[in-house]
Amino acid sequence: MKKLSEKERTILQALEKKGGREYQKKLADSTGMSSQTISKYLMSLEGKGLVVKDDSQRPHIFWKIPKEG
């Protein structure tokens, strides 16, 4: 598995608690991070293939954990 920072692990844990999908704003609130900070870490996780951005319901941005298989 790719090396993750503590904040990246915190974000993934929060997503898992929410069933694998959540609004970016709610993730920021639940992890105590600013919108700018969580955005930076979510983009890093996306680059590692651990989360997927869903902006199909603009202006809302969802992040989800991709299903395996």
Protein backbone atom coordinates (compact mmCIF):
# COMPACT_ATOMS: atom_id res chain seq x y z
CA MET A 1 0.00 0.00 0.00
CA LYS A 2 1.14 3.52 -0.72
CA LYS A 3 2.52 5.53 2.19
CA LEU A 4 -0.12 7.83 3.68
CA SER A 5 0.18 10.84 5.94
CA GLU A 6 -1.77 11.01 9.17
CA LYS A 7 -4.21 13.49 7.61
CA GLU A 8 -4.76 11.24 4.59
CA ARG A 9 -5.52 8.31 6.91
CA THR A 10 -7.92 10.51 8.88
CA ILE A 11 -9.77 11.47 5.68
CA LEU A 12 -10.04 7.85 4.53
CA GLN A 13 -11.34 6.79 7.95
CA ALA A 14 -13.96 9.57 7.85
CA LEU A 15 -15.04 8.47 4.37
CA GLU A 16 -15.32 4.85 5.49
CA LYS A 17 -17.51 5.90 8.46
CA LYS A 18 -19.79 7.72 6.01
CA GLY A 19 -20.25 4.64 3.84
CA GLY A 20 -17.55 5.51 1.34
CA ARG A 21 -19.07 8.74 -0.08
CA GLU A 22 -19.37 12.26 1.35
CA TYR A 23 -19.51 15.96 0.50
CA GLN A 24 -16.12 17.68 0.61
CA LYS A 25 -17.48 20.33 3.01
CA LYS A 26 -18.83 17.72 5.42
CA LEU A 27 -15.52 15.85 5.31
CA ALA A 28 -13.71 19.07 6.20
CA ASP A 29 -16.09 19.67 9.10
CA SER A 30 -15.88 16.11 10.44
CA THR A 31 -12.08 16.03 10.31
CA GLY A 32 -11.54 19.55 11.66
CA MET A 33 -9.67 20.64 8.53
CA SER A 34 -10.20 23.77 6.48
CA SER A 35 -11.67 23.43 2.99
CA GLN A 36 -8.30 24.35 1.46
CA THR A 37 -6.41 21.79 3.56
CA ILE A 38 -8.78 18.91 2.91
CA SER A 39 -8.85 19.73 -0.81
CA LYS A 40 -5.06 19.40 -0.95
CA TYR A 41 -5.11 16.01 0.78
CA LEU A 42 -8.07 14.73 -1.26
CA MET A 43 -6.23 15.56 -4.48
CA SER A 44 -3.20 13.68 -3.16
CA LEU A 45 -5.39 10.67 -2.34
CA GLU A 46 -6.97 10.88 -5.79
CA GLY A 47 -3.51 10.78 -7.35
CA LYS A 48 -2.82 7.60 -5.39
CA GLY A 49 -6.07 6.07 -6.66
CA LEU A 50 -7.62 5.86 -3.20
CA VAL A 51 -10.52 8.29 -3.73
CA VAL A 52 -12.52 9.51 -6.72
CA LYS A 53 -13.95 13.01 -7.17
CA ASP A 54 -17.59 13.30 -8.23
CA ASP A 55 -18.62 16.81 -9.25
CA SER A 56 -21.68 15.76 -11.23
CA GLN A 57 -23.96 17.59 -8.77
CA ARG A 58 -22.27 20.99 -8.91
CA PRO A 59 -21.78 23.08 -6.88
CA HIS A 60 -21.53 20.11 -4.50
CA ILE A 61 -18.39 18.02 -4.67
CA PHE A 62 -18.49 14.45 -3.45
CA TRP A 63 -15.54 12.19 -2.78
CA LYS A 64 -15.83 8.46 -2.69
CA ILE A 65 -13.74 5.40 -2.16
CA PRO A 66 -13.66 3.41 -5.40
CA LYS A 67 -15.06 -0.08 -5.30
CA GLU A 68 -12.54 -2.84 -5.78
CA GLY A 69 -12.86 -5.26 -8.66
